[in-house]
């Protein structure tokens, strides 16, 4: 069972003031390739898994931004860590099936 939820909003400083969308898309691709459950929302993406694995995904996301030419990256992160009972997006959202 997963022991953490990590939500991340990544804010890359793009070369020449380019749109951040391709950079955010790359960050989400990294999450997809990690194979962890995730949910994309308008202002952040939430991942579910083991805390160490999720923090590694965050590291990879930040490195990918600099590899794409960003001079700097701000990552705003929220962590819910519950090693005893586990952490689940489904459990926290069960009373909001339609996202409302």
N, C-alpha and C. Protein backbone atom coordinates (compact mmCIF):
# COMPACT_ATOMS: atom_id res chain seq x y z
N UNK A 1 0.84 -1.18 0.00
CA UNK A 1 0.00 0.00 0.00
C UNK A 1 0.88 1.24 0.00
N UNK A 2 0.47 2.23 -0.74
CA UNK A 2 1.20 3.50 -0.81
C UNK A 2 1.20 4.18 0.55
N UNK A 3 2.31 4.87 0.84
CA UNK A 3 2.37 5.57 2.12
C UNK A 3 2.36 7.08 1.98
N UNK A 4 2.26 7.58 0.73
CA UNK A 4 2.32 9.04 0.56
C UNK A 4 1.56 9.50 -0.67
N UNK A 5 1.11 10.73 -0.57
CA UNK A 5 0.61 11.49 -1.72
C UNK A 5 1.53 12.69 -1.85
N UNK A 6 1.97 12.97 -3.06
CA UNK A 6 2.79 14.15 -3.32
C UNK A 6 2.12 14.92 -4.45
N UNK A 7 1.77 16.17 -4.17
CA UNK A 7 1.24 17.07 -5.20
C UNK A 7 2.34 18.03 -5.58
N UNK A 8 2.46 18.27 -6.89
CA UNK A 8 3.52 19.16 -7.36
C UNK A 8 2.96 20.11 -8.41
N UNK A 9 3.38 21.35 -8.27
CA UNK A 9 3.18 22.37 -9.30
C UNK A 9 4.58 22.79 -9.70
N UNK A 10 4.93 22.55 -10.97
CA UNK A 10 6.28 22.86 -11.43
C UNK A 10 6.22 24.14 -12.26
N UNK A 11 7.12 25.07 -11.94
CA UNK A 11 7.13 26.39 -12.57
C UNK A 11 8.53 26.64 -13.15
N UNK A 12 8.77 26.19 -14.38
CA UNK A 12 10.08 26.40 -14.97
C UNK A 12 10.24 27.82 -15.52
N UNK A 13 11.45 28.35 -15.40
CA UNK A 13 11.80 29.60 -16.07
C UNK A 13 12.23 29.22 -17.47
N UNK A 14 11.35 29.42 -18.43
CA UNK A 14 11.59 28.93 -19.79
C UNK A 14 12.53 29.85 -20.56
N UNK A 15 13.28 29.28 -21.49
CA UNK A 15 14.17 30.11 -22.31
C UNK A 15 13.36 31.11 -23.14
N UNK A 16 13.73 32.35 -23.09
CA UNK A 16 13.08 33.36 -23.91
C UNK A 16 11.63 33.61 -23.57
N UNK A 17 11.20 33.20 -22.38
CA UNK A 17 9.80 33.43 -21.99
C UNK A 17 8.80 32.57 -22.75
N UNK A 18 9.25 31.42 -23.25
CA UNK A 18 8.36 30.51 -23.97
C UNK A 18 7.22 30.05 -23.07
N UNK A 19 6.19 29.52 -23.69
CA UNK A 19 5.07 28.92 -22.95
C UNK A 19 5.59 27.77 -22.09
N UNK A 20 5.01 27.62 -20.91
CA UNK A 20 5.43 26.53 -20.02
C UNK A 20 4.76 25.20 -20.38
N UNK A 21 3.76 25.23 -21.23
CA UNK A 21 2.97 24.02 -21.51
C UNK A 21 3.82 22.84 -21.97
N UNK A 22 4.73 22.99 -22.94
CA UNK A 22 5.54 21.82 -23.33
C UNK A 22 6.41 21.29 -22.19
N UNK A 23 6.81 22.17 -21.30
CA UNK A 23 7.63 21.77 -20.16
C UNK A 23 6.79 21.01 -19.13
N UNK A 24 5.59 21.50 -18.88
CA UNK A 24 4.68 20.80 -17.97
C UNK A 24 4.31 19.44 -18.56
N UNK A 25 4.08 19.40 -19.87
CA UNK A 25 3.78 18.12 -20.53
C UNK A 25 4.92 17.13 -20.32
N UNK A 26 6.15 17.59 -20.43
CA UNK A 26 7.32 16.71 -20.20
C UNK A 26 7.34 16.22 -18.76
N UNK A 27 7.05 17.10 -17.82
CA UNK A 27 7.02 16.71 -16.41
C UNK A 27 5.96 15.63 -16.17
N UNK A 28 4.80 15.78 -16.78
CA UNK A 28 3.74 14.78 -16.64
C UNK A 28 4.15 13.47 -17.30
N UNK A 29 4.86 13.53 -18.42
CA UNK A 29 5.37 12.30 -19.05
C UNK A 29 6.30 11.54 -18.11
N UNK A 30 7.09 12.27 -17.34
CA UNK A 30 7.98 11.62 -16.37
C UNK A 30 7.17 10.90 -15.30
N UNK A 31 6.08 11.53 -14.85
CA UNK A 31 5.21 10.87 -13.87
C UNK A 31 4.61 9.61 -14.49
N UNK A 32 4.10 9.72 -15.72
CA UNK A 32 3.52 8.55 -16.39
C UNK A 32 4.52 7.41 -16.47
N UNK A 33 5.76 7.72 -16.84
CA UNK A 33 6.77 6.66 -17.01
C UNK A 33 7.18 6.05 -15.68
N UNK A 34 6.93 6.74 -14.58
CA UNK A 34 7.25 6.19 -13.26
C UNK A 34 6.28 5.07 -12.88
N UNK A 35 5.12 5.04 -13.51
CA UNK A 35 4.16 3.98 -13.27
C UNK A 35 3.39 4.10 -11.96
N UNK A 36 3.35 5.30 -11.40
CA UNK A 36 2.60 5.51 -10.16
C UNK A 36 1.22 6.06 -10.50
N UNK A 37 0.22 5.78 -9.66
CA UNK A 37 -1.08 6.41 -9.87
C UNK A 37 -0.93 7.93 -9.74
N UNK A 38 -1.63 8.67 -10.60
CA UNK A 38 -1.55 10.12 -10.54
C UNK A 38 -2.84 10.73 -11.05
N UNK A 39 -3.04 11.99 -10.70
CA UNK A 39 -4.21 12.74 -11.15
C UNK A 39 -3.76 14.14 -11.50
N UNK A 40 -4.00 14.53 -12.75
CA UNK A 40 -3.67 15.88 -13.20
C UNK A 40 -4.85 16.79 -12.89
N UNK A 41 -4.56 17.94 -12.30
CA UNK A 41 -5.57 18.96 -12.01
C UNK A 41 -5.09 20.26 -12.66
N UNK A 42 -5.92 21.29 -12.69
CA UNK A 42 -5.54 22.52 -13.38
C UNK A 42 -4.26 23.18 -12.86
N UNK A 43 -3.99 23.10 -11.56
CA UNK A 43 -2.85 23.82 -11.00
C UNK A 43 -1.77 22.94 -10.41
N UNK A 44 -2.00 21.62 -10.35
CA UNK A 44 -1.01 20.72 -9.80
C UNK A 44 -1.35 19.30 -10.20
N UNK A 45 -0.39 18.41 -10.03
CA UNK A 45 -0.59 16.99 -10.27
C UNK A 45 -0.26 16.25 -8.99
N UNK A 46 -1.12 15.28 -8.63
CA UNK A 46 -0.92 14.50 -7.43
C UNK A 46 -0.53 13.08 -7.81
N UNK A 47 0.51 12.57 -7.13
CA UNK A 47 0.99 11.20 -7.33
C UNK A 47 0.78 10.42 -6.04
N UNK A 48 0.64 9.11 -6.17
CA UNK A 48 0.45 8.21 -5.03
C UNK A 48 1.51 7.12 -5.07
N UNK A 49 2.17 6.88 -3.95
CA UNK A 49 3.17 5.82 -3.91
C UNK A 49 4.02 5.88 -2.67
N UNK A 50 5.18 5.26 -2.75
CA UNK A 50 6.13 5.31 -1.64
C UNK A 50 6.85 6.65 -1.69
N UNK A 51 7.02 7.26 -0.54
CA UNK A 51 7.58 8.61 -0.48
C UNK A 51 8.92 8.72 -1.20
N UNK A 52 9.81 7.79 -0.98
CA UNK A 52 11.13 7.88 -1.62
C UNK A 52 11.01 7.82 -3.14
N UNK A 53 10.13 6.99 -3.65
CA UNK A 53 9.93 6.89 -5.10
C UNK A 53 9.36 8.20 -5.65
N UNK A 54 8.40 8.78 -4.95
CA UNK A 54 7.77 10.01 -5.44
C UNK A 54 8.76 11.18 -5.42
N UNK A 55 9.61 11.23 -4.40
CA UNK A 55 10.62 12.29 -4.35
C UNK A 55 11.64 12.12 -5.48
N UNK A 56 11.92 10.90 -5.85
CA UNK A 56 12.80 10.63 -7.00
C UNK A 56 12.16 11.14 -8.29
N UNK A 57 10.86 10.97 -8.42
CA UNK A 57 10.14 11.48 -9.60
C UNK A 57 10.25 13.01 -9.64
N UNK A 58 10.09 13.65 -8.50
CA UNK A 58 10.23 15.11 -8.42
C UNK A 58 11.63 15.53 -8.86
N UNK A 59 12.65 14.81 -8.42
CA UNK A 59 14.02 15.12 -8.83
C UNK A 59 14.17 15.01 -10.34
N UNK A 60 13.64 13.94 -10.91
CA UNK A 60 13.72 13.74 -12.35
C UNK A 60 13.01 14.85 -13.12
N UNK A 61 11.87 15.28 -12.60
CA UNK A 61 11.12 16.36 -13.25
C UNK A 61 11.94 17.64 -13.28
N UNK A 62 12.56 17.98 -12.16
CA UNK A 62 13.35 19.20 -12.09
C UNK A 62 14.57 19.12 -13.01
N UNK A 63 15.24 17.98 -13.03
CA UNK A 63 16.39 17.83 -13.92
C UNK A 63 15.99 17.91 -15.38
N UNK A 64 14.83 17.37 -15.72
CA UNK A 64 14.36 17.43 -17.10
C UNK A 64 14.14 18.86 -17.55
N UNK A 65 13.67 19.71 -16.64
CA UNK A 65 13.44 21.11 -17.00
C UNK A 65 14.77 21.79 -17.36
N UNK A 66 15.80 21.54 -16.58
CA UNK A 66 17.09 22.17 -16.89
C UNK A 66 17.70 21.56 -18.15
N UNK A 67 17.48 20.27 -18.38
CA UNK A 67 17.95 19.64 -19.61
C UNK A 67 17.26 20.23 -20.84
N UNK A 68 16.04 20.72 -20.66
CA UNK A 68 15.29 21.36 -21.76
C UNK A 68 15.68 22.82 -21.94
N UNK A 69 16.60 23.33 -21.12
CA UNK A 69 17.08 24.69 -21.29
C UNK A 69 16.61 25.70 -20.28
N UNK A 70 15.84 25.28 -19.29
CA UNK A 70 15.39 26.22 -18.25
C UNK A 70 16.56 26.56 -17.34
N UNK A 71 16.69 27.84 -17.03
CA UNK A 71 17.76 28.26 -16.13
C UNK A 71 17.46 27.92 -14.68
N UNK A 72 16.17 27.90 -14.32
CA UNK A 72 15.78 27.57 -12.96
C UNK A 72 14.37 26.99 -12.96
N UNK A 73 14.04 26.37 -11.84
CA UNK A 73 12.73 25.73 -11.69
C UNK A 73 12.26 25.93 -10.26
N UNK A 74 11.01 26.30 -10.10
CA UNK A 74 10.38 26.31 -8.78
C UNK A 74 9.40 25.14 -8.76
N UNK A 75 9.50 24.31 -7.74
CA UNK A 75 8.56 23.21 -7.55
C UNK A 75 7.86 23.42 -6.22
N UNK A 76 6.56 23.65 -6.30
CA UNK A 76 5.76 23.78 -5.09
C UNK A 76 5.18 22.40 -4.80
N UNK A 77 5.51 21.88 -3.62
CA UNK A 77 5.18 20.49 -3.31
C UNK A 77 4.37 20.42 -2.01
N UNK A 78 3.37 19.55 -2.03
CA UNK A 78 2.61 19.20 -0.83
C UNK A 78 2.79 17.70 -0.63
N UNK A 79 3.02 17.30 0.60
CA UNK A 79 3.21 15.88 0.91
C UNK A 79 2.25 15.46 2.01
N UNK A 80 1.52 14.39 1.75
CA UNK A 80 0.74 13.73 2.78
C UNK A 80 1.40 12.38 3.00
N UNK A 81 1.93 12.17 4.19
CA UNK A 81 2.69 10.96 4.49
C UNK A 81 2.01 10.23 5.64
N UNK A 82 1.64 8.98 5.40
CA UNK A 82 0.94 8.20 6.42
C UNK A 82 1.45 6.76 6.37
N UNK A 83 2.64 6.50 6.96
CA UNK A 83 3.23 5.18 6.85
C UNK A 83 2.46 4.08 7.59
N UNK A 84 1.69 4.46 8.58
CA UNK A 84 0.98 3.46 9.37
C UNK A 84 -0.30 2.97 8.69
N UNK A 85 -1.08 3.91 8.14
CA UNK A 85 -2.37 3.56 7.54
C UNK A 85 -2.40 3.66 6.02
N UNK A 86 -1.34 4.17 5.43
CA UNK A 86 -1.29 4.33 3.99
C UNK A 86 -1.97 5.61 3.54
N UNK A 87 -1.71 5.95 2.28
CA UNK A 87 -2.27 7.17 1.68
C UNK A 87 -2.92 6.79 0.36
N UNK A 88 -4.09 7.31 0.11
CA UNK A 88 -4.83 6.96 -1.09
C UNK A 88 -5.64 8.14 -1.60
N UNK A 89 -5.46 8.47 -2.87
CA UNK A 89 -6.29 9.52 -3.48
C UNK A 89 -7.74 9.08 -3.45
N UNK A 90 -7.99 7.82 -3.78
CA UNK A 90 -9.36 7.31 -3.80
C UNK A 90 -10.06 7.45 -2.47
N UNK A 91 -9.35 7.12 -1.41
CA UNK A 91 -9.95 7.22 -0.07
C UNK A 91 -10.26 8.67 0.29
N UNK A 92 -9.35 9.59 -0.04
CA UNK A 92 -9.59 10.99 0.29
C UNK A 92 -10.67 11.63 -0.57
N UNK A 93 -10.91 11.07 -1.76
CA UNK A 93 -11.88 11.67 -2.68
C UNK A 93 -13.18 10.89 -2.81
N UNK A 94 -13.35 9.83 -2.03
CA UNK A 94 -14.50 8.96 -2.22
C UNK A 94 -15.85 9.65 -2.10
N UNK A 95 -15.96 10.70 -1.32
CA UNK A 95 -17.25 11.39 -1.22
C UNK A 95 -17.43 12.45 -2.30
N UNK A 96 -16.45 12.57 -3.22
CA UNK A 96 -16.53 13.52 -4.33
C UNK A 96 -16.31 12.79 -5.67
N UNK A 97 -17.19 11.85 -6.00
CA UNK A 97 -16.96 11.02 -7.19
C UNK A 97 -16.90 11.81 -8.50
N UNK A 98 -17.56 12.94 -8.56
CA UNK A 98 -17.58 13.73 -9.79
C UNK A 98 -16.60 14.89 -9.74
N UNK A 99 -15.77 14.93 -8.71
CA UNK A 99 -14.81 16.01 -8.58
C UNK A 99 -15.41 17.34 -8.18
N UNK A 100 -16.61 17.31 -7.62
CA UNK A 100 -17.27 18.56 -7.23
C UNK A 100 -17.45 18.64 -5.75
